[in-house]
Structures are given as structure tokens and as C-alpha cells.
Amino acid sequence: MLTSQLPEKSDVYSFGVVLVELITGKKALSFNRPEEERNLAMYFITCMNNDCLNQIIDEHMVIEGNTEELKEVANLAKRCLRVKGEERAYMKEVAMELEGLIRKKISKNGLNYAETENMLGQASIGYVVGGYRSNTTIVGVDSMVEDMLLHGGR
């Protein structure tokens, strides 16, 4: 993005921006914010590096017992936002990590992942970001990620 070239992992950067928008409740770019906060991705990285994530997280995201999960999603977003594309994971790896977070959430709540998978069915999702098409299979991704990210699993 900074060099006006869109390499293969531009979709990962874009997904990182979306994750940051979700956990902060802020738009990616806003001229209504102070100059150092206008570019949400850059401000988020600064907050992460200065260990002040709690200042940028949307207060509606913080629900009792989900602090560790928010940190894990924030760390994933930070890795997606690495300036050098070659330092970012592939989108498939990011999707697998999100699935791992979902599995952990299911286990933490005393649910059996296999039973949950059968109950929800597998959702094969495809996405197009940055001109690239990718497919991956994630169990119940739409409702479960929404539940985990937006409602803290409640």
C-alpha cells in the first residue's frame, strides 16, 4: 500500500485493517481524529508497541473473560499489518489461526469441537481482497467469529 504496489499478501494487510476496525469500532481512515490517529492501522500498531491496547479497544468489545481473546486477535491483526509483505502470513495461515481461536473458545466453554462442527456444518468461504481469490474451510465462521469478536461468546 505504501509503495502503490499490491503484492500477493496485500489481502492479508487488508484483512488486518478489517480486524482492527472490528475490535476498535473505528473507521480505517478519519480526518476527524487527531493527526497521529487518522490512519487507524498505524495508530493501532503504535498502541500495540507501547502496550496500550486497552486505550484503542472499543469498550463494547470488552466483556468479562474475553480479554485474552481480544489480545490474541489484536496480535493477529498486528502481524497482518506488517509493512513488509514478505513478513506477513498467507491468508490461509491467518484463517487457520482464527479457526484455532474459535476451537479454543469452544473448548473453553466446555463444548466439543466435533459436535459443534456437525451441528453447524462446515462453511466453505471464499473471499476476494486485493484482486486475489482464496478459499478456505472454516467451521461456522460467520456466526462464530461474529459471536467471539462482537459479543465475547455470549
C-alpha atoms as a PDB file:
ATOM      1  CA  MET A   1       0.000   0.000   0.000  1.00  0.00           C
ATOM      2  CA  LEU A   2       2.767   2.429   0.958  1.00  0.00           C
ATOM      3  CA  THR A   3       4.638   1.748  -2.301  1.00  0.00           C
ATOM      4  CA  SER A   4       1.499   1.686  -4.506  1.00  0.00           C
ATOM      5  CA  GLN A   5       2.327  -1.928  -5.417  1.00  0.00           C
ATOM      6  CA  LEU A   6      -0.071  -4.683  -4.451  1.00  0.00           C
ATOM      7  CA  PRO A   7       1.881  -7.871  -3.836  1.00  0.00           C
ATOM      8  CA  GLU A   8       0.368 -11.277  -3.131  1.00  0.00           C
ATOM      9  CA  LYS A   9      -0.091 -10.600   0.589  1.00  0.00           C
ATOM     10  CA  SER A  10      -1.967  -7.315   0.208  1.00  0.00           C
ATOM     11  CA  ASP A  11      -5.144  -9.211   1.096  1.00  0.00           C
ATOM     12  CA  VAL A  12      -3.607 -10.067   4.471  1.00  0.00           C
ATOM     13  CA  TYR A  13      -2.906  -6.396   5.168  1.00  0.00           C
ATOM     14  CA  SER A  14      -6.474  -5.500   4.195  1.00  0.00           C
ATOM     15  CA  PHE A  15      -7.835  -8.223   6.453  1.00  0.00           C
ATOM     16  CA  GLY A  16      -5.706  -6.841   9.306  1.00  0.00           C
ATOM     17  CA  VAL A  17      -7.312  -3.447   8.775  1.00  0.00           C
ATOM     18  CA  VAL A  18     -10.766  -5.062   8.945  1.00  0.00           C
ATOM     19  CA  LEU A  19      -9.842  -6.849  12.195  1.00  0.00           C
ATOM     20  CA  VAL A  20      -8.649  -3.565  13.686  1.00  0.00           C
ATOM     21  CA  GLU A  21     -11.867  -1.840  12.625  1.00  0.00           C
ATOM     22  CA  LEU A  22     -13.864  -4.611  14.315  1.00  0.00           C
ATOM     23  CA  ILE A  23     -12.034  -4.530  17.634  1.00  0.00           C
ATOM     24  CA  THR A  24     -11.767  -0.754  17.843  1.00  0.00           C
ATOM     25  CA  GLY A  25     -15.110   0.258  16.371  1.00  0.00           C
ATOM     26  CA  LYS A  26     -13.308   2.954  14.351  1.00  0.00           C
ATOM     27  CA  LYS A  27     -13.032   3.638  10.621  1.00  0.00           C
ATOM     28  CA  ALA A  28      -9.752   2.842   8.871  1.00  0.00           C
ATOM     29  CA  LEU A  29      -9.192   6.477   7.952  1.00  0.00           C
ATOM     30  CA  SER A  30     -10.761   9.529   9.546  1.00  0.00           C
ATOM     31  CA  PHE A  31      -9.765  13.154   9.302  1.00  0.00           C
ATOM     32  CA  ASN A  32     -11.962  13.884  12.332  1.00  0.00           C
ATOM     33  CA  ARG A  33      -9.369  12.288  14.626  1.00  0.00           C
ATOM     34  CA  PRO A  34      -6.082  13.870  15.754  1.00  0.00           C
ATOM     35  CA  GLU A  35      -3.317  13.583  13.135  1.00  0.00           C
ATOM     36  CA  GLU A  36      -1.495  10.710  14.882  1.00  0.00           C
ATOM     37  CA  GLU A  37      -4.778   8.730  14.991  1.00  0.00           C
ATOM     38  CA  ARG A  38      -6.066   9.403  11.448  1.00  0.00           C
ATOM     39  CA  ASN A  39      -4.629   6.216   9.958  1.00  0.00           C
ATOM     40  CA  LEU A  40      -6.150   3.556  12.208  1.00  0.00           C
ATOM     41  CA  ALA A  41      -3.675   0.826  11.222  1.00  0.00           C
ATOM     42  CA  MET A  42      -0.642   2.946  12.071  1.00  0.00           C
ATOM     43  CA  TYR A  43      -2.192   4.177  15.324  1.00  0.00           C
ATOM     44  CA  PHE A  44      -3.105   0.601  16.265  1.00  0.00           C
ATOM     45  CA  ILE A  45       0.493  -0.559  15.699  1.00  0.00           C
ATOM     46  CA  THR A  46       1.750   2.325  17.849  1.00  0.00           C
ATOM     47  CA  CYS A  47      -0.659   1.369  20.633  1.00  0.00           C
ATOM     48  CA  MET A  48       0.360  -2.284  20.409  1.00  0.00           C
ATOM     49  CA  ASN A  49       4.062  -1.399  20.528  1.00  0.00           C
ATOM     50  CA  ASN A  50       3.502   0.866  23.545  1.00  0.00           C
ATOM     51  CA  ASP A  51       1.415  -1.765  25.358  1.00  0.00           C
ATOM     52  CA  CYS A  52      -1.665   0.446  25.477  1.00  0.00           C
ATOM     53  CA  LEU A  53      -4.127  -1.744  23.598  1.00  0.00           C
ATOM     54  CA  ASN A  54      -6.818  -1.003  26.187  1.00  0.00           C
ATOM     55  CA  GLN A  55      -6.871   2.651  25.027  1.00  0.00           C
ATOM     56  CA  ILE A  56      -7.916   1.736  21.494  1.00  0.00           C
ATOM     57  CA  ILE A  57     -10.240  -1.272  22.020  1.00  0.00           C
ATOM     58  CA  ASP A  58     -13.944  -0.468  21.700  1.00  0.00           C
ATOM     59  CA  GLU A  59     -15.448  -0.527  25.202  1.00  0.00           C
ATOM     60  CA  HIS A  60     -18.316  -2.663  23.880  1.00  0.00           C
ATOM     61  CA  MET A  61     -15.788  -5.360  22.937  1.00  0.00           C
ATOM     62  CA  VAL A  62     -14.531  -5.811  26.473  1.00  0.00           C
ATOM     63  CA  ILE A  63     -16.685  -8.364  28.216  1.00  0.00           C
ATOM     64  CA  GLU A  64     -15.712 -10.215  31.365  1.00  0.00           C
ATOM     65  CA  GLY A  65     -13.457 -13.125  30.481  1.00  0.00           C
ATOM     66  CA  ASN A  66     -12.595 -12.187  26.882  1.00  0.00           C
ATOM     67  CA  THR A  67      -9.524 -10.003  27.471  1.00  0.00           C
ATOM     68  CA  GLU A  68      -7.076 -12.728  26.476  1.00  0.00           C
ATOM     69  CA  GLU A  69      -9.033 -13.484  23.300  1.00  0.00           C
ATOM     70  CA  LEU A  70      -9.031  -9.807  22.354  1.00  0.00           C
ATOM     71  CA  LYS A  71      -5.261  -9.698  22.826  1.00  0.00           C
ATOM     72  CA  GLU A  72      -4.849 -12.749  20.596  1.00  0.00           C
ATOM     73  CA  VAL A  73      -6.986 -11.203  17.847  1.00  0.00           C
ATOM     74  CA  ALA A  74      -5.095  -7.911  18.248  1.00  0.00           C
ATOM     75  CA  ASN A  75      -1.761  -9.733  17.911  1.00  0.00           C
ATOM     76  CA  LEU A  76      -3.041 -11.477  14.781  1.00  0.00           C
ATOM     77  CA  ALA A  77      -4.102  -8.103  13.368  1.00  0.00           C
ATOM     78  CA  LYS A  78      -0.681  -6.662  14.192  1.00  0.00           C
ATOM     79  CA  ARG A  79       1.028  -9.479  12.300  1.00  0.00           C
ATOM     80  CA  CYS A  80      -1.304  -8.889   9.337  1.00  0.00           C
ATOM     81  CA  LEU A  81      -0.342  -5.201   9.312  1.00  0.00           C
ATOM     82  CA  ARG A  82       3.407  -5.725   8.920  1.00  0.00           C
ATOM     83  CA  VAL A  83       4.660  -3.171   6.415  1.00  0.00           C
ATOM     84  CA  LYS A  84       6.824  -5.663   4.520  1.00  0.00           C
ATOM     85  CA  GLY A  85       4.573  -8.113   2.719  1.00  0.00           C
ATOM     86  CA  GLU A  86       7.102 -10.938   2.934  1.00  0.00           C
ATOM     87  CA  GLU A  87       6.877 -10.746   6.742  1.00  0.00           C
ATOM     88  CA  ARG A  88       3.111 -11.321   6.697  1.00  0.00           C
ATOM     89  CA  ALA A  89       1.494 -14.747   6.792  1.00  0.00           C
ATOM     90  CA  TYR A  90      -0.519 -16.085   3.901  1.00  0.00           C
ATOM     91  CA  MET A  91      -4.274 -15.586   4.157  1.00  0.00           C
ATOM     92  CA  LYS A  92      -4.756 -19.323   4.588  1.00  0.00           C
ATOM     93  CA  GLU A  93      -2.493 -19.237   7.668  1.00  0.00           C
ATOM     94  CA  VAL A  94      -4.459 -16.304   9.098  1.00  0.00           C
ATOM     95  CA  ALA A  95      -7.725 -18.211   8.555  1.00  0.00           C
ATOM     96  CA  MET A  96      -6.250 -21.274  10.264  1.00  0.00           C
ATOM     97  CA  GLU A  97      -5.207 -19.166  13.246  1.00  0.00           C
ATOM     98  CA  LEU A  98      -8.709 -17.720  13.527  1.00  0.00           C
ATOM     99  CA  GLU A  99     -10.091 -21.245  13.400  1.00  0.00           C
ATOM    100  CA  GLY A 100      -7.698 -22.166  16.218  1.00  0.00           C
ATOM    101  CA  LEU A 101      -9.036 -19.266  18.287  1.00  0.00           C
ATOM    102  CA  ILE A 102     -12.570 -20.475  17.631  1.00  0.00           C
ATOM    103  CA  ARG A 103     -11.622 -24.011  18.661  1.00  0.00           C
ATOM    104  CA  LYS A 104     -10.066 -22.672  21.854  1.00  0.00           C
ATOM    105  CA  LYS A 105     -13.234 -20.671  22.602  1.00  0.00           C
ATOM    106  CA  ILE A 106     -15.392 -23.726  22.045  1.00  0.00           C
ATOM    107  CA  SER A 107     -13.209 -25.859  24.321  1.00  0.00           C
ATOM    108  CA  LYS A 108     -13.083 -23.135  26.964  1.00  0.00           C
ATOM    109  CA  ASN A 109     -16.872 -23.082  27.057  1.00  0.00           C
ATOM    110  CA  GLY A 110     -16.986 -26.862  27.537  1.00  0.00           C
ATOM    111  CA  LEU A 111     -18.233 -27.636  24.048  1.00  0.00           C
ATOM    112  CA  ASN A 112     -16.917 -30.445  21.878  1.00  0.00           C
ATOM    113  CA  TYR A 113     -15.460 -29.102  18.630  1.00  0.00           C
ATOM    114  CA  ALA A 114     -16.507 -32.164  16.587  1.00  0.00           C
ATOM    115  CA  GLU A 115     -20.076 -31.961  17.878  1.00  0.00           C
ATOM    116  CA  THR A 116     -20.179 -28.230  17.204  1.00  0.00           C
ATOM    117  CA  GLU A 117     -18.808 -28.817  13.701  1.00  0.00           C
ATOM    118  CA  ASN A 118     -21.544 -31.379  12.978  1.00  0.00           C
ATOM    119  CA  MET A 119     -24.204 -29.127  14.470  1.00  0.00           C
ATOM    120  CA  LEU A 120     -23.149 -26.079  12.462  1.00  0.00           C
ATOM    121  CA  GLY A 121     -21.855 -27.808   9.358  1.00  0.00           C
ATOM    122  CA  GLN A 122     -18.738 -26.717   7.542  1.00  0.00           C
ATOM    123  CA  ALA A 123     -18.801 -23.373   5.822  1.00  0.00           C
ATOM    124  CA  SER A 124     -16.511 -23.113   2.864  1.00  0.00           C
ATOM    125  CA  ILE A 125     -15.797 -19.450   2.421  1.00  0.00           C
ATOM    126  CA  GLY A 126     -14.224 -17.667  -0.463  1.00  0.00           C
ATOM    127  CA  TYR A 127     -13.015 -14.123  -0.415  1.00  0.00           C
ATOM    128  CA  VAL A 128     -11.576 -11.682  -2.855  1.00  0.00           C
ATOM    129  CA  VAL A 129      -9.344  -8.994  -1.415  1.00  0.00           C
ATOM    130  CA  GLY A 130      -6.695  -7.031  -3.242  1.00  0.00           C
ATOM    131  CA  GLY A 131      -7.583  -8.750  -6.528  1.00  0.00           C
ATOM    132  CA  TYR A 132      -6.768 -12.241  -5.244  1.00  0.00           C
ATOM    133  CA  ARG A 133      -9.239 -15.048  -4.705  1.00  0.00           C
ATOM    134  CA  SER A 134      -8.679 -17.539  -1.943  1.00  0.00           C
ATOM    135  CA  ASN A 135     -10.758 -20.333  -0.452  1.00  0.00           C
ATOM    136  CA  THR A 136     -10.606 -21.970   2.921  1.00  0.00           C
ATOM    137  CA  THR A 137     -12.885 -24.051   5.077  1.00  0.00           C
ATOM    138  CA  ILE A 138     -13.790 -22.729   8.486  1.00  0.00           C
ATOM    139  CA  VAL A 139     -16.435 -24.209  10.717  1.00  0.00           C
ATOM    140  CA  GLY A 140     -19.377 -21.862  11.217  1.00  0.00           C
ATOM    141  CA  VAL A 141     -17.113 -18.878  10.610  1.00  0.00           C
ATOM    142  CA  ASP A 142     -19.801 -16.281  10.078  1.00  0.00           C
ATOM    143  CA  SER A 143     -21.740 -16.755  13.276  1.00  0.00           C
ATOM    144  CA  MET A 144     -18.893 -17.950  15.491  1.00  0.00           C
ATOM    145  CA  VAL A 145     -16.387 -15.212  14.631  1.00  0.00           C
ATOM    146  CA  GLU A 146     -19.149 -12.632  14.960  1.00  0.00           C
ATOM    147  CA  ASP A 147     -20.094 -14.125  18.319  1.00  0.00           C
ATOM    148  CA  MET A 148     -16.484 -14.251  19.513  1.00  0.00           C
ATOM    149  CA  LEU A 149     -15.445 -10.836  18.261  1.00  0.00           C
ATOM    150  CA  LEU A 150     -18.584  -8.807  18.724  1.00  0.00           C
ATOM    151  CA  HIS A 151     -20.249 -10.412  21.716  1.00  0.00           C
ATOM    152  CA  GLY A 152     -17.443 -12.128  23.606  1.00  0.00           C
ATOM    153  CA  GLY A 153     -19.061 -15.508  23.026  1.00  0.00           C
ATOM    154  CA  ARG A 154     -22.368 -14.613  24.635  1.00  0.00           C
END
